N, C-alpha and C. Protein backbone atom coordinates (compact mmCIF):
# COMPACT_ATOMS: atom_id res chain seq x y z
N MET A 1 -1.10 19.02 3.52
CA MET A 1 -0.25 18.68 2.37
C MET A 1 -0.15 19.89 1.46
N GLU A 2 1.05 20.15 0.94
CA GLU A 2 1.27 21.30 0.07
C GLU A 2 0.54 21.14 -1.25
N GLY A 3 0.24 22.31 -1.89
CA GLY A 3 -0.54 22.30 -3.12
C GLY A 3 0.04 21.46 -4.22
N LEU A 4 1.38 21.55 -4.42
CA LEU A 4 2.00 20.78 -5.49
C LEU A 4 1.84 19.29 -5.24
N ASP A 5 2.02 18.85 -3.97
CA ASP A 5 1.85 17.44 -3.64
C ASP A 5 0.42 16.98 -3.88
N VAL A 6 -0.55 17.83 -3.57
CA VAL A 6 -1.95 17.49 -3.81
C VAL A 6 -2.20 17.27 -5.29
N ARG A 7 -1.69 18.16 -6.13
CA ARG A 7 -1.91 18.02 -7.57
C ARG A 7 -1.23 16.76 -8.10
N GLU A 8 -0.01 16.48 -7.64
CA GLU A 8 0.68 15.26 -8.07
C GLU A 8 -0.06 14.02 -7.61
N THR A 9 -0.57 14.05 -6.38
CA THR A 9 -1.32 12.90 -5.85
C THR A 9 -2.58 12.66 -6.65
N LEU A 10 -3.33 13.72 -6.93
CA LEU A 10 -4.57 13.58 -7.69
C LEU A 10 -4.28 13.08 -9.10
N ASP A 11 -3.22 13.60 -9.72
CA ASP A 11 -2.86 13.16 -11.07
C ASP A 11 -2.51 11.66 -11.07
N ALA A 12 -1.77 11.21 -10.04
CA ALA A 12 -1.41 9.80 -9.95
C ALA A 12 -2.65 8.92 -9.75
N LEU A 13 -3.59 9.37 -8.94
CA LEU A 13 -4.83 8.62 -8.71
C LEU A 13 -5.62 8.49 -10.01
N ILE A 14 -5.70 9.58 -10.76
CA ILE A 14 -6.46 9.58 -12.02
C ILE A 14 -5.87 8.57 -12.99
N HIS A 15 -4.56 8.58 -13.14
CA HIS A 15 -3.92 7.66 -14.09
C HIS A 15 -4.00 6.23 -13.61
N ARG A 16 -3.86 6.01 -12.30
CA ARG A 16 -3.90 4.65 -11.77
C ARG A 16 -5.27 4.02 -11.98
N HIS A 17 -6.31 4.82 -11.89
CA HIS A 17 -7.68 4.29 -12.02
C HIS A 17 -8.20 4.38 -13.45
N GLY A 18 -7.37 4.83 -14.38
CA GLY A 18 -7.79 4.89 -15.77
C GLY A 18 -8.86 5.94 -16.03
N GLU A 19 -8.88 7.00 -15.23
CA GLU A 19 -9.86 8.06 -15.41
C GLU A 19 -9.29 9.16 -16.31
N ASP A 20 -10.10 10.17 -16.60
CA ASP A 20 -9.61 11.31 -17.37
C ASP A 20 -10.11 12.59 -16.74
N TYR A 21 -9.41 13.69 -17.02
CA TYR A 21 -9.70 14.96 -16.39
C TYR A 21 -11.13 15.44 -16.64
N SER A 22 -11.56 15.36 -17.89
CA SER A 22 -12.86 15.95 -18.24
C SER A 22 -14.01 15.18 -17.58
N SER A 23 -13.91 13.86 -17.52
CA SER A 23 -14.98 13.07 -16.90
C SER A 23 -15.11 13.39 -15.42
N LEU A 24 -13.98 13.51 -14.74
CA LEU A 24 -14.02 13.84 -13.32
C LEU A 24 -14.54 15.26 -13.10
N SER A 25 -14.17 16.17 -14.00
CA SER A 25 -14.69 17.54 -13.90
C SER A 25 -16.21 17.56 -14.02
N ARG A 26 -16.74 16.78 -14.97
CA ARG A 26 -18.19 16.72 -15.13
C ARG A 26 -18.85 16.07 -13.92
N MET A 27 -18.20 15.07 -13.32
CA MET A 27 -18.75 14.44 -12.12
C MET A 27 -18.90 15.46 -10.99
N LEU A 28 -17.99 16.44 -10.94
CA LEU A 28 -18.05 17.47 -9.91
C LEU A 28 -19.00 18.60 -10.28
N GLY A 29 -19.57 18.53 -11.48
CA GLY A 29 -20.44 19.60 -11.92
C GLY A 29 -19.70 20.83 -12.37
N ARG A 30 -18.44 20.63 -12.78
CA ARG A 30 -17.60 21.74 -13.21
C ARG A 30 -17.42 21.71 -14.72
N ASN A 31 -16.78 22.77 -15.27
CA ASN A 31 -16.47 22.76 -16.69
C ASN A 31 -15.42 21.69 -16.96
N THR A 32 -15.35 21.19 -18.18
CA THR A 32 -14.54 20.02 -18.49
C THR A 32 -13.04 20.24 -18.28
N ALA A 33 -12.60 21.48 -18.20
CA ALA A 33 -11.16 21.77 -18.03
C ALA A 33 -10.78 21.98 -16.57
N TYR A 34 -11.73 21.85 -15.67
CA TYR A 34 -11.51 22.19 -14.26
C TYR A 34 -10.34 21.40 -13.65
N ILE A 35 -10.38 20.07 -13.74
CA ILE A 35 -9.34 19.25 -13.13
C ILE A 35 -7.99 19.47 -13.80
N GLN A 36 -8.00 19.55 -15.13
CA GLN A 36 -6.74 19.77 -15.85
C GLN A 36 -6.09 21.09 -15.43
N GLN A 37 -6.89 22.14 -15.31
CA GLN A 37 -6.36 23.44 -14.92
C GLN A 37 -5.83 23.41 -13.48
N PHE A 38 -6.53 22.70 -12.61
CA PHE A 38 -6.08 22.60 -11.22
C PHE A 38 -4.72 21.89 -11.14
N ILE A 39 -4.58 20.79 -11.89
CA ILE A 39 -3.35 20.00 -11.81
C ILE A 39 -2.18 20.69 -12.51
N HIS A 40 -2.40 21.21 -13.70
CA HIS A 40 -1.29 21.69 -14.51
C HIS A 40 -1.07 23.20 -14.44
N ARG A 41 -2.08 23.96 -14.01
CA ARG A 41 -1.94 25.42 -13.94
C ARG A 41 -2.08 25.95 -12.53
N GLY A 42 -2.50 25.08 -11.60
CA GLY A 42 -2.65 25.53 -10.22
C GLY A 42 -3.84 26.44 -10.01
N VAL A 43 -4.86 26.33 -10.87
CA VAL A 43 -6.07 27.15 -10.78
C VAL A 43 -7.28 26.22 -10.72
N PRO A 44 -8.04 26.26 -9.62
CA PRO A 44 -7.87 27.09 -8.43
C PRO A 44 -6.66 26.64 -7.60
N ARG A 45 -6.29 27.47 -6.62
CA ARG A 45 -5.11 27.17 -5.81
C ARG A 45 -5.32 25.91 -4.98
N LYS A 46 -6.54 25.68 -4.53
CA LYS A 46 -6.85 24.45 -3.80
C LYS A 46 -8.27 24.02 -4.14
N LEU A 47 -8.54 22.75 -3.95
CA LEU A 47 -9.86 22.21 -4.25
C LEU A 47 -10.90 22.72 -3.25
N ALA A 48 -12.09 22.99 -3.77
CA ALA A 48 -13.19 23.32 -2.88
C ALA A 48 -13.50 22.13 -1.98
N GLU A 49 -14.01 22.39 -0.79
CA GLU A 49 -14.24 21.33 0.19
C GLU A 49 -15.13 20.22 -0.36
N ASP A 50 -16.22 20.59 -1.03
CA ASP A 50 -17.14 19.58 -1.58
C ASP A 50 -16.46 18.76 -2.68
N ASP A 51 -15.67 19.44 -3.53
CA ASP A 51 -14.95 18.73 -4.59
C ASP A 51 -13.93 17.77 -4.01
N ARG A 52 -13.22 18.24 -3.01
CA ARG A 52 -12.21 17.41 -2.36
C ARG A 52 -12.84 16.16 -1.74
N ARG A 53 -13.96 16.37 -1.04
CA ARG A 53 -14.64 15.24 -0.38
C ARG A 53 -15.14 14.23 -1.42
N THR A 54 -15.72 14.75 -2.51
CA THR A 54 -16.24 13.87 -3.55
C THR A 54 -15.13 13.04 -4.19
N LEU A 55 -14.01 13.68 -4.50
CA LEU A 55 -12.89 12.97 -5.12
C LEU A 55 -12.28 11.95 -4.17
N ALA A 56 -12.15 12.31 -2.90
CA ALA A 56 -11.58 11.37 -1.92
C ALA A 56 -12.46 10.14 -1.79
N ARG A 57 -13.77 10.32 -1.75
CA ARG A 57 -14.67 9.18 -1.65
C ARG A 57 -14.64 8.35 -2.93
N TYR A 58 -14.56 9.01 -4.07
CA TYR A 58 -14.55 8.29 -5.35
C TYR A 58 -13.32 7.40 -5.47
N PHE A 59 -12.15 7.92 -5.06
CA PHE A 59 -10.92 7.15 -5.18
C PHE A 59 -10.62 6.30 -3.95
N GLY A 60 -11.41 6.47 -2.89
CA GLY A 60 -11.22 5.68 -1.69
C GLY A 60 -9.96 6.03 -0.92
N VAL A 61 -9.65 7.34 -0.83
CA VAL A 61 -8.46 7.78 -0.12
C VAL A 61 -8.85 8.78 0.96
N ASP A 62 -7.91 9.07 1.83
CA ASP A 62 -8.09 10.04 2.89
C ASP A 62 -8.15 11.45 2.29
N GLU A 63 -9.06 12.28 2.77
CA GLU A 63 -9.16 13.67 2.29
C GLU A 63 -7.87 14.45 2.50
N GLU A 64 -7.10 14.06 3.52
CA GLU A 64 -5.85 14.76 3.81
C GLU A 64 -4.92 14.75 2.61
N LEU A 65 -4.97 13.68 1.81
CA LEU A 65 -4.09 13.57 0.65
C LEU A 65 -4.45 14.56 -0.45
N LEU A 66 -5.68 15.07 -0.41
CA LEU A 66 -6.13 16.03 -1.41
C LEU A 66 -6.26 17.43 -0.83
N GLY A 67 -5.58 17.66 0.29
CA GLY A 67 -5.53 19.00 0.86
C GLY A 67 -6.45 19.23 2.02
N GLY A 68 -7.13 18.19 2.48
CA GLY A 68 -8.04 18.33 3.61
C GLY A 68 -7.32 18.28 4.94
N PRO A 69 -8.04 18.49 6.04
CA PRO A 69 -7.42 18.42 7.36
C PRO A 69 -7.01 17.00 7.70
N ALA A 70 -6.03 16.87 8.58
CA ALA A 70 -5.58 15.55 9.02
C ALA A 70 -6.72 14.79 9.67
N THR A 71 -6.83 13.51 9.35
CA THR A 71 -7.88 12.68 9.90
C THR A 71 -7.58 12.34 11.35
N GLU A 72 -8.58 12.51 12.21
CA GLU A 72 -8.42 12.17 13.61
C GLU A 72 -8.85 10.73 13.84
N LEU A 73 -8.30 10.12 14.90
CA LEU A 73 -8.72 8.78 15.26
C LEU A 73 -10.19 8.80 15.65
N ARG A 74 -10.91 7.79 15.17
CA ARG A 74 -12.31 7.66 15.54
C ARG A 74 -12.45 6.54 16.56
N ASN A 75 -13.52 6.57 17.32
CA ASN A 75 -13.70 5.60 18.39
C ASN A 75 -14.51 4.41 17.93
N LEU A 76 -14.12 3.25 18.43
CA LEU A 76 -14.91 2.05 18.31
C LEU A 76 -15.88 1.98 19.47
N PRO A 77 -16.89 1.10 19.43
CA PRO A 77 -17.73 0.91 20.60
C PRO A 77 -16.86 0.59 21.82
N GLY A 78 -17.18 1.22 22.95
CA GLY A 78 -16.37 1.03 24.14
C GLY A 78 -15.23 2.02 24.22
N ASP A 79 -15.27 3.07 23.38
CA ASP A 79 -14.26 4.13 23.40
C ASP A 79 -12.85 3.61 23.14
N SER A 80 -12.70 2.59 22.34
CA SER A 80 -11.38 2.09 21.96
C SER A 80 -10.99 2.72 20.63
N ASP A 81 -9.84 3.39 20.59
CA ASP A 81 -9.43 4.11 19.38
C ASP A 81 -9.01 3.14 18.28
N LEU A 82 -9.33 3.54 17.07
CA LEU A 82 -8.80 2.83 15.91
C LEU A 82 -7.36 3.28 15.65
N VAL A 83 -6.52 2.35 15.28
CA VAL A 83 -5.18 2.68 14.80
C VAL A 83 -5.27 2.82 13.29
N LEU A 84 -4.88 3.98 12.77
CA LEU A 84 -4.96 4.24 11.34
C LEU A 84 -3.66 3.81 10.68
N VAL A 85 -3.71 2.70 9.96
CA VAL A 85 -2.53 2.15 9.30
C VAL A 85 -2.46 2.72 7.88
N PRO A 86 -1.32 3.27 7.47
CA PRO A 86 -1.22 3.87 6.13
C PRO A 86 -1.23 2.81 5.02
N ARG A 87 -1.97 3.13 3.94
CA ARG A 87 -1.87 2.35 2.71
C ARG A 87 -0.85 3.05 1.83
N LEU A 88 0.22 2.33 1.49
CA LEU A 88 1.29 2.93 0.71
C LEU A 88 1.00 2.83 -0.79
N ASP A 89 1.58 3.78 -1.51
CA ASP A 89 1.44 3.81 -2.98
C ASP A 89 2.42 2.81 -3.58
N VAL A 90 2.21 1.53 -3.25
CA VAL A 90 3.16 0.48 -3.60
C VAL A 90 2.39 -0.77 -3.96
N HIS A 91 2.84 -1.47 -4.99
CA HIS A 91 2.34 -2.80 -5.33
C HIS A 91 3.50 -3.77 -5.20
N ALA A 92 3.33 -4.84 -4.42
CA ALA A 92 4.35 -5.88 -4.31
C ALA A 92 3.94 -7.03 -5.20
N SER A 93 4.80 -7.39 -6.12
CA SER A 93 4.44 -8.38 -7.11
C SER A 93 4.56 -9.79 -6.57
N ALA A 94 3.51 -10.59 -6.80
CA ALA A 94 3.57 -12.02 -6.55
C ALA A 94 3.77 -12.69 -7.90
N GLY A 95 4.69 -12.16 -8.66
CA GLY A 95 4.98 -12.61 -10.01
C GLY A 95 6.36 -12.13 -10.40
N PRO A 96 6.52 -11.57 -11.60
CA PRO A 96 7.84 -11.21 -12.08
C PRO A 96 8.45 -10.00 -11.42
N GLY A 97 7.69 -9.19 -10.69
CA GLY A 97 8.27 -8.04 -10.02
C GLY A 97 7.64 -6.74 -10.45
N ALA A 98 7.25 -5.91 -9.48
CA ALA A 98 6.62 -4.62 -9.77
C ALA A 98 7.52 -3.52 -9.25
N ILE A 99 8.06 -2.70 -10.14
CA ILE A 99 8.93 -1.61 -9.72
C ILE A 99 8.07 -0.41 -9.40
N ASN A 100 8.13 0.04 -8.17
CA ASN A 100 7.37 1.20 -7.75
C ASN A 100 8.07 1.83 -6.56
N PRO A 101 9.01 2.75 -6.80
CA PRO A 101 9.77 3.33 -5.70
C PRO A 101 9.00 4.36 -4.89
N SER A 102 7.83 4.77 -5.35
CA SER A 102 7.05 5.79 -4.63
C SER A 102 6.30 5.12 -3.49
N GLU A 103 6.72 5.42 -2.25
CA GLU A 103 6.14 4.75 -1.10
C GLU A 103 5.44 5.76 -0.19
N ARG A 104 4.64 6.62 -0.78
CA ARG A 104 3.91 7.59 0.03
C ARG A 104 2.50 7.07 0.29
N PRO A 105 1.92 7.44 1.45
CA PRO A 105 0.57 6.97 1.76
C PRO A 105 -0.46 7.51 0.77
N ILE A 106 -1.43 6.67 0.41
CA ILE A 106 -2.55 7.11 -0.41
C ILE A 106 -3.85 7.01 0.37
N GLY A 107 -3.76 6.71 1.63
CA GLY A 107 -4.93 6.60 2.48
C GLY A 107 -4.57 5.87 3.76
N ARG A 108 -5.56 5.70 4.63
CA ARG A 108 -5.37 5.00 5.88
C ARG A 108 -6.60 4.15 6.17
N ILE A 109 -6.37 2.99 6.81
CA ILE A 109 -7.46 2.10 7.20
C ILE A 109 -7.35 1.86 8.70
N GLY A 110 -8.48 1.95 9.39
CA GLY A 110 -8.48 1.81 10.84
C GLY A 110 -8.62 0.37 11.30
N PHE A 111 -7.82 -0.01 12.29
CA PHE A 111 -7.87 -1.35 12.89
C PHE A 111 -7.93 -1.21 14.40
N PRO A 112 -8.65 -2.11 15.08
CA PRO A 112 -8.64 -2.10 16.55
C PRO A 112 -7.24 -2.43 17.07
N PRO A 113 -6.71 -1.66 18.02
CA PRO A 113 -5.34 -1.89 18.50
C PRO A 113 -5.15 -3.25 19.14
N ASP A 114 -6.14 -3.74 19.88
CA ASP A 114 -5.98 -5.06 20.52
C ASP A 114 -5.85 -6.15 19.47
N TRP A 115 -6.62 -6.03 18.38
CA TRP A 115 -6.54 -7.02 17.30
C TRP A 115 -5.17 -6.97 16.64
N LEU A 116 -4.65 -5.77 16.43
CA LEU A 116 -3.32 -5.64 15.83
C LEU A 116 -2.26 -6.27 16.73
N ARG A 117 -2.36 -6.06 18.03
CA ARG A 117 -1.35 -6.61 18.94
C ARG A 117 -1.37 -8.13 18.92
N GLU A 118 -2.54 -8.73 18.71
CA GLU A 118 -2.62 -10.18 18.63
C GLU A 118 -1.83 -10.74 17.45
N LEU A 119 -1.63 -9.93 16.41
CA LEU A 119 -0.84 -10.36 15.26
C LEU A 119 0.65 -10.41 15.58
N GLY A 120 1.05 -9.76 16.68
CA GLY A 120 2.45 -9.82 17.10
C GLY A 120 3.41 -8.95 16.34
N PRO A 121 3.05 -7.71 15.98
CA PRO A 121 4.00 -6.86 15.25
C PRO A 121 5.14 -6.42 16.16
N SER A 122 6.25 -6.01 15.53
CA SER A 122 7.37 -5.48 16.30
C SER A 122 6.94 -4.22 17.05
N ARG A 123 6.24 -3.34 16.34
CA ARG A 123 5.59 -2.17 16.92
C ARG A 123 4.44 -1.81 16.00
N ILE A 124 3.36 -1.32 16.58
CA ILE A 124 2.18 -1.01 15.77
C ILE A 124 2.49 0.08 14.75
N ASP A 125 3.36 1.03 15.11
CA ASP A 125 3.64 2.11 14.15
C ASP A 125 4.60 1.67 13.05
N ASN A 126 5.02 0.41 13.04
CA ASN A 126 5.81 -0.13 11.92
C ASN A 126 4.93 -0.76 10.84
N LEU A 127 3.61 -0.74 11.01
CA LEU A 127 2.72 -1.43 10.08
C LEU A 127 2.34 -0.56 8.90
N SER A 128 2.25 -1.18 7.72
CA SER A 128 1.76 -0.52 6.52
C SER A 128 0.97 -1.52 5.68
N LEU A 129 0.07 -1.00 4.87
CA LEU A 129 -0.70 -1.82 3.93
C LEU A 129 -0.23 -1.56 2.52
N ILE A 130 -0.02 -2.64 1.75
CA ILE A 130 0.31 -2.49 0.34
C ILE A 130 -0.51 -3.49 -0.47
N ARG A 131 -0.56 -3.30 -1.76
CA ARG A 131 -1.38 -4.10 -2.66
C ARG A 131 -0.54 -5.17 -3.36
N VAL A 132 -1.14 -6.35 -3.57
CA VAL A 132 -0.46 -7.47 -4.23
C VAL A 132 -0.78 -7.46 -5.72
N ASP A 133 0.24 -7.68 -6.53
CA ASP A 133 0.08 -7.93 -7.97
C ASP A 133 0.59 -9.34 -8.27
N GLY A 134 0.11 -9.92 -9.35
CA GLY A 134 0.65 -11.19 -9.81
C GLY A 134 0.01 -12.40 -9.13
N VAL A 135 0.31 -13.60 -9.66
CA VAL A 135 -0.38 -14.81 -9.22
C VAL A 135 0.55 -15.87 -8.66
N SER A 136 1.83 -15.57 -8.47
CA SER A 136 2.75 -16.62 -8.04
C SER A 136 2.51 -17.06 -6.60
N MET A 137 1.77 -16.26 -5.80
CA MET A 137 1.47 -16.66 -4.43
C MET A 137 0.04 -17.16 -4.28
N SER A 138 -0.67 -17.35 -5.40
CA SER A 138 -2.01 -17.92 -5.35
C SER A 138 -1.92 -19.39 -4.93
N PRO A 139 -2.89 -19.90 -4.16
CA PRO A 139 -4.13 -19.24 -3.75
C PRO A 139 -4.01 -18.46 -2.45
N THR A 140 -2.82 -18.44 -1.82
CA THR A 140 -2.68 -17.74 -0.54
C THR A 140 -2.92 -16.25 -0.71
N LEU A 141 -2.27 -15.66 -1.71
CA LEU A 141 -2.43 -14.24 -2.02
C LEU A 141 -2.76 -14.10 -3.49
N ASN A 142 -3.73 -13.25 -3.79
CA ASN A 142 -4.19 -13.06 -5.16
C ASN A 142 -4.04 -11.59 -5.56
N PRO A 143 -4.03 -11.30 -6.87
CA PRO A 143 -3.94 -9.91 -7.32
C PRO A 143 -5.06 -9.06 -6.72
N GLY A 144 -4.68 -7.89 -6.22
CA GLY A 144 -5.64 -6.99 -5.61
C GLY A 144 -5.78 -7.14 -4.11
N ASP A 145 -5.20 -8.19 -3.52
CA ASP A 145 -5.25 -8.35 -2.06
C ASP A 145 -4.45 -7.23 -1.40
N ASP A 146 -4.93 -6.78 -0.24
CA ASP A 146 -4.15 -5.87 0.60
C ASP A 146 -3.44 -6.69 1.66
N ILE A 147 -2.15 -6.45 1.85
CA ILE A 147 -1.40 -7.17 2.86
C ILE A 147 -0.87 -6.20 3.91
N LEU A 148 -0.92 -6.64 5.16
CA LEU A 148 -0.44 -5.85 6.29
C LEU A 148 0.99 -6.28 6.56
N VAL A 149 1.93 -5.34 6.43
CA VAL A 149 3.35 -5.65 6.49
C VAL A 149 3.97 -4.98 7.71
N ASP A 150 4.71 -5.77 8.49
CA ASP A 150 5.46 -5.24 9.62
C ASP A 150 6.85 -4.87 9.14
N LEU A 151 7.08 -3.58 8.93
CA LEU A 151 8.35 -3.11 8.40
C LEU A 151 9.48 -3.20 9.42
N GLY A 152 9.14 -3.46 10.67
CA GLY A 152 10.16 -3.62 11.71
C GLY A 152 10.57 -5.05 11.93
N ASP A 153 9.93 -5.97 11.23
CA ASP A 153 10.24 -7.40 11.36
C ASP A 153 10.88 -7.85 10.06
N ALA A 154 12.19 -7.73 10.00
CA ALA A 154 12.88 -7.97 8.73
C ALA A 154 14.07 -8.88 8.95
N GLU A 155 15.24 -8.46 8.51
CA GLU A 155 16.42 -9.32 8.49
C GLU A 155 16.82 -9.79 9.89
N GLU A 156 16.70 -8.93 10.90
CA GLU A 156 17.19 -9.26 12.23
C GLU A 156 16.42 -10.42 12.86
N ARG A 157 15.14 -10.60 12.50
CA ARG A 157 14.32 -11.65 13.11
C ARG A 157 13.90 -12.69 12.07
N LEU A 158 14.69 -12.86 11.04
CA LEU A 158 14.29 -13.67 9.90
C LEU A 158 13.97 -15.10 10.30
N ARG A 159 12.82 -15.61 9.80
CA ARG A 159 12.35 -16.96 10.07
C ARG A 159 11.39 -17.34 8.97
N ASP A 160 10.93 -18.58 8.97
CA ASP A 160 9.98 -19.02 7.95
C ASP A 160 8.74 -18.14 7.96
N GLY A 161 8.23 -17.81 6.78
CA GLY A 161 7.02 -17.01 6.70
C GLY A 161 6.94 -16.29 5.37
N ILE A 162 5.92 -15.44 5.22
CA ILE A 162 5.73 -14.66 4.00
C ILE A 162 6.28 -13.26 4.24
N TYR A 163 7.08 -12.79 3.30
CA TYR A 163 7.76 -11.50 3.44
C TYR A 163 7.62 -10.69 2.16
N VAL A 164 7.73 -9.37 2.32
CA VAL A 164 7.92 -8.48 1.17
C VAL A 164 9.42 -8.29 1.01
N LEU A 165 9.92 -8.50 -0.20
CA LEU A 165 11.34 -8.43 -0.52
C LEU A 165 11.59 -7.37 -1.57
N ARG A 166 12.77 -6.79 -1.54
CA ARG A 166 13.18 -5.89 -2.61
C ARG A 166 14.38 -6.51 -3.31
N ILE A 167 14.20 -6.79 -4.60
CA ILE A 167 15.26 -7.41 -5.39
C ILE A 167 15.50 -6.52 -6.60
N GLU A 168 16.66 -5.85 -6.63
CA GLU A 168 17.00 -4.94 -7.72
C GLU A 168 15.89 -3.91 -7.95
N GLU A 169 15.44 -3.29 -6.86
CA GLU A 169 14.43 -2.24 -6.85
C GLU A 169 13.02 -2.73 -7.16
N ALA A 170 12.85 -4.02 -7.38
CA ALA A 170 11.51 -4.57 -7.59
C ALA A 170 11.00 -5.17 -6.29
N LEU A 171 9.76 -4.85 -5.93
CA LEU A 171 9.16 -5.41 -4.73
C LEU A 171 8.47 -6.72 -5.07
N ASN A 172 8.69 -7.73 -4.24
CA ASN A 172 8.05 -9.03 -4.41
C ASN A 172 7.51 -9.49 -3.07
N VAL A 173 6.42 -10.22 -3.09
CA VAL A 173 5.94 -10.88 -1.88
C VAL A 173 6.07 -12.38 -2.11
N LYS A 174 6.81 -13.04 -1.22
CA LYS A 174 7.14 -14.45 -1.38
C LYS A 174 7.20 -15.13 -0.02
N ARG A 175 7.18 -16.46 -0.07
CA ARG A 175 7.38 -17.25 1.15
C ARG A 175 8.86 -17.58 1.29
N LEU A 176 9.39 -17.44 2.50
CA LEU A 176 10.78 -17.77 2.76
C LEU A 176 10.87 -19.03 3.61
N ALA A 177 11.77 -19.91 3.22
CA ALA A 177 12.14 -21.07 4.02
C ALA A 177 13.58 -20.87 4.44
N VAL A 178 13.81 -20.57 5.72
CA VAL A 178 15.13 -20.21 6.22
C VAL A 178 15.90 -21.46 6.63
N PHE A 179 17.16 -21.54 6.22
CA PHE A 179 18.00 -22.67 6.58
C PHE A 179 18.19 -22.70 8.10
N PRO A 180 18.23 -23.88 8.72
CA PRO A 180 18.38 -23.97 10.18
C PRO A 180 19.65 -23.29 10.69
N GLN A 181 20.71 -23.32 9.90
CA GLN A 181 21.96 -22.68 10.28
C GLN A 181 22.34 -21.63 9.25
N GLY A 182 22.87 -20.53 9.73
CA GLY A 182 23.30 -19.48 8.82
C GLY A 182 22.15 -18.55 8.46
N ARG A 183 22.40 -17.63 7.50
CA ARG A 183 21.42 -16.62 7.10
C ARG A 183 20.97 -16.83 5.67
N ARG A 184 21.02 -18.06 5.19
CA ARG A 184 20.57 -18.36 3.84
C ARG A 184 19.12 -18.84 3.85
N PHE A 185 18.46 -18.68 2.71
CA PHE A 185 17.05 -19.05 2.64
C PHE A 185 16.66 -19.35 1.21
N THR A 186 15.54 -20.04 1.08
CA THR A 186 14.94 -20.30 -0.23
C THR A 186 13.71 -19.43 -0.38
N ILE A 187 13.57 -18.78 -1.54
CA ILE A 187 12.40 -17.97 -1.85
C ILE A 187 11.42 -18.85 -2.62
N LYS A 188 10.23 -19.03 -2.06
CA LYS A 188 9.28 -19.98 -2.61
C LYS A 188 8.00 -19.27 -3.06
N SER A 189 7.33 -19.84 -4.04
CA SER A 189 6.02 -19.38 -4.50
C SER A 189 4.98 -20.43 -4.12
N ASP A 190 3.82 -19.99 -3.62
CA ASP A 190 2.76 -20.95 -3.28
C ASP A 190 2.12 -21.54 -4.53
N ASN A 191 2.20 -20.81 -5.63
CA ASN A 191 1.74 -21.33 -6.92
C ASN A 191 2.84 -22.22 -7.50
N ARG A 192 2.57 -23.51 -7.62
CA ARG A 192 3.61 -24.47 -8.00
C ARG A 192 4.08 -24.31 -9.45
N ALA A 193 3.41 -23.45 -10.21
CA ALA A 193 3.86 -23.21 -11.59
C ALA A 193 5.10 -22.32 -11.63
N PHE A 194 5.47 -21.74 -10.49
CA PHE A 194 6.61 -20.83 -10.45
C PHE A 194 7.78 -21.50 -9.73
N PRO A 195 9.01 -21.32 -10.21
CA PRO A 195 10.18 -21.97 -9.61
C PRO A 195 10.59 -21.31 -8.30
N ASP A 196 11.30 -22.07 -7.48
CA ASP A 196 11.90 -21.53 -6.26
C ASP A 196 13.24 -20.90 -6.58
N TRP A 197 13.67 -19.98 -5.72
CA TRP A 197 15.01 -19.40 -5.81
C TRP A 197 15.78 -19.91 -4.60
N VAL A 198 16.76 -20.75 -4.83
CA VAL A 198 17.44 -21.43 -3.73
C VAL A 198 18.72 -20.71 -3.34
N ASP A 199 19.13 -20.94 -2.08
CA ASP A 199 20.41 -20.47 -1.56
C ASP A 199 20.58 -18.96 -1.72
N CYS A 200 19.57 -18.21 -1.25
CA CYS A 200 19.62 -16.74 -1.31
C CYS A 200 20.16 -16.18 0.00
N THR A 201 20.67 -14.95 -0.05
CA THR A 201 21.16 -14.28 1.15
C THR A 201 20.69 -12.83 1.15
N THR A 202 20.84 -12.16 2.28
CA THR A 202 20.46 -10.76 2.39
C THR A 202 21.45 -9.84 1.68
N LYS A 203 22.52 -10.39 1.12
CA LYS A 203 23.44 -9.58 0.32
C LYS A 203 22.83 -9.23 -1.04
N THR A 204 21.94 -10.09 -1.52
CA THR A 204 21.32 -9.87 -2.83
C THR A 204 19.83 -9.58 -2.72
N VAL A 205 19.24 -9.86 -1.57
CA VAL A 205 17.80 -9.66 -1.36
C VAL A 205 17.60 -8.82 -0.11
N THR A 206 16.87 -7.73 -0.22
CA THR A 206 16.55 -6.90 0.94
C THR A 206 15.22 -7.35 1.53
N ILE A 207 15.21 -7.66 2.81
CA ILE A 207 13.99 -8.05 3.51
C ILE A 207 13.28 -6.77 3.95
N VAL A 208 12.15 -6.46 3.34
CA VAL A 208 11.42 -5.22 3.64
C VAL A 208 10.59 -5.38 4.91
N GLY A 209 9.88 -6.50 5.03
CA GLY A 209 9.04 -6.71 6.21
C GLY A 209 8.24 -7.99 6.09
N ARG A 210 7.72 -8.42 7.22
CA ARG A 210 6.98 -9.67 7.30
C ARG A 210 5.48 -9.40 7.10
N VAL A 211 4.82 -10.25 6.33
CA VAL A 211 3.38 -10.12 6.09
C VAL A 211 2.63 -10.79 7.25
N LEU A 212 1.75 -10.02 7.90
CA LEU A 212 1.02 -10.52 9.06
C LEU A 212 -0.42 -10.88 8.76
N TRP A 213 -1.01 -10.28 7.72
CA TRP A 213 -2.44 -10.43 7.47
C TRP A 213 -2.72 -10.03 6.03
N ALA A 214 -3.76 -10.61 5.46
CA ALA A 214 -4.18 -10.23 4.11
C ALA A 214 -5.69 -10.07 4.08
N GLY A 215 -6.15 -9.11 3.30
CA GLY A 215 -7.59 -8.91 3.10
C GLY A 215 -7.88 -8.78 1.62
N ARG A 216 -9.08 -9.19 1.22
CA ARG A 216 -9.41 -9.14 -0.19
C ARG A 216 -10.87 -8.81 -0.41
N ARG A 217 -11.13 -8.26 -1.59
CA ARG A 217 -12.49 -7.97 -2.01
C ARG A 217 -13.14 -9.25 -2.55
N LEU A 218 -14.38 -9.49 -2.18
CA LEU A 218 -15.09 -10.67 -2.66
C LEU A 218 -15.99 -10.30 -3.84
C-alpha cells in the first residue's frame, strides 16, 4: 500500500476508535508528536516494523493496511487453506441509515473454504464482511455484529431473506419479502417497533448483496 494511503488509513482508524495521536505515540514509546508527524508531514516516510505490528494488533487490522507485506494464506489442520474474506470500511444500518461510501478493506478474517461453500455463496471471492449499526433488525442482528455478505447474490437472484440495500447512498440491512409475481418486495424490520416499507422495487432500492452469516462479540 502506498504511503499516502497508509497515513489516511491510520488516521481513519484513530478517529473511528476515538483515539488521539499523542496517546498512540506514547504507547509506541515514541515522542508525543510521532504519529501526528507521520500522518500529516510524512515523517518518517514509513512506519517501523515494530510500530506497524503494534498498531495493527491494537486496531485489529491486517498489517498490510499499514504498509506491511501482503498476508499469505495460513493453513488449518489437515493443510486446508483459510480463505481470507475482506472486512470493508462500511457500516450497514439496521436503523435510519448509515452513509459511508468508503468501501475499502480494513482487514481480513480467515474462514475454512468448505464451511463457506456450505453457506451457498455465488462465488467465494464475492464475499465481504461489514459491520451492523442500529437496532431495527434486533434480535436477529444487533449493533456491532459482523455480517458476511454475498455481493454476487443480488437483484438477479432476489428471493426472501436478509439483504444489504443501498437507498439514496445509505446502506441498510433489512429483511425482504418478495412478491410471488413480479420484482416488487416489502422491506421488513425484525424489530416490530419499526415500520415496513411496502411495494418497493429495484428502481428505488439497490440490492447490494445477500447476508449469509452473522457473528458477534459476547
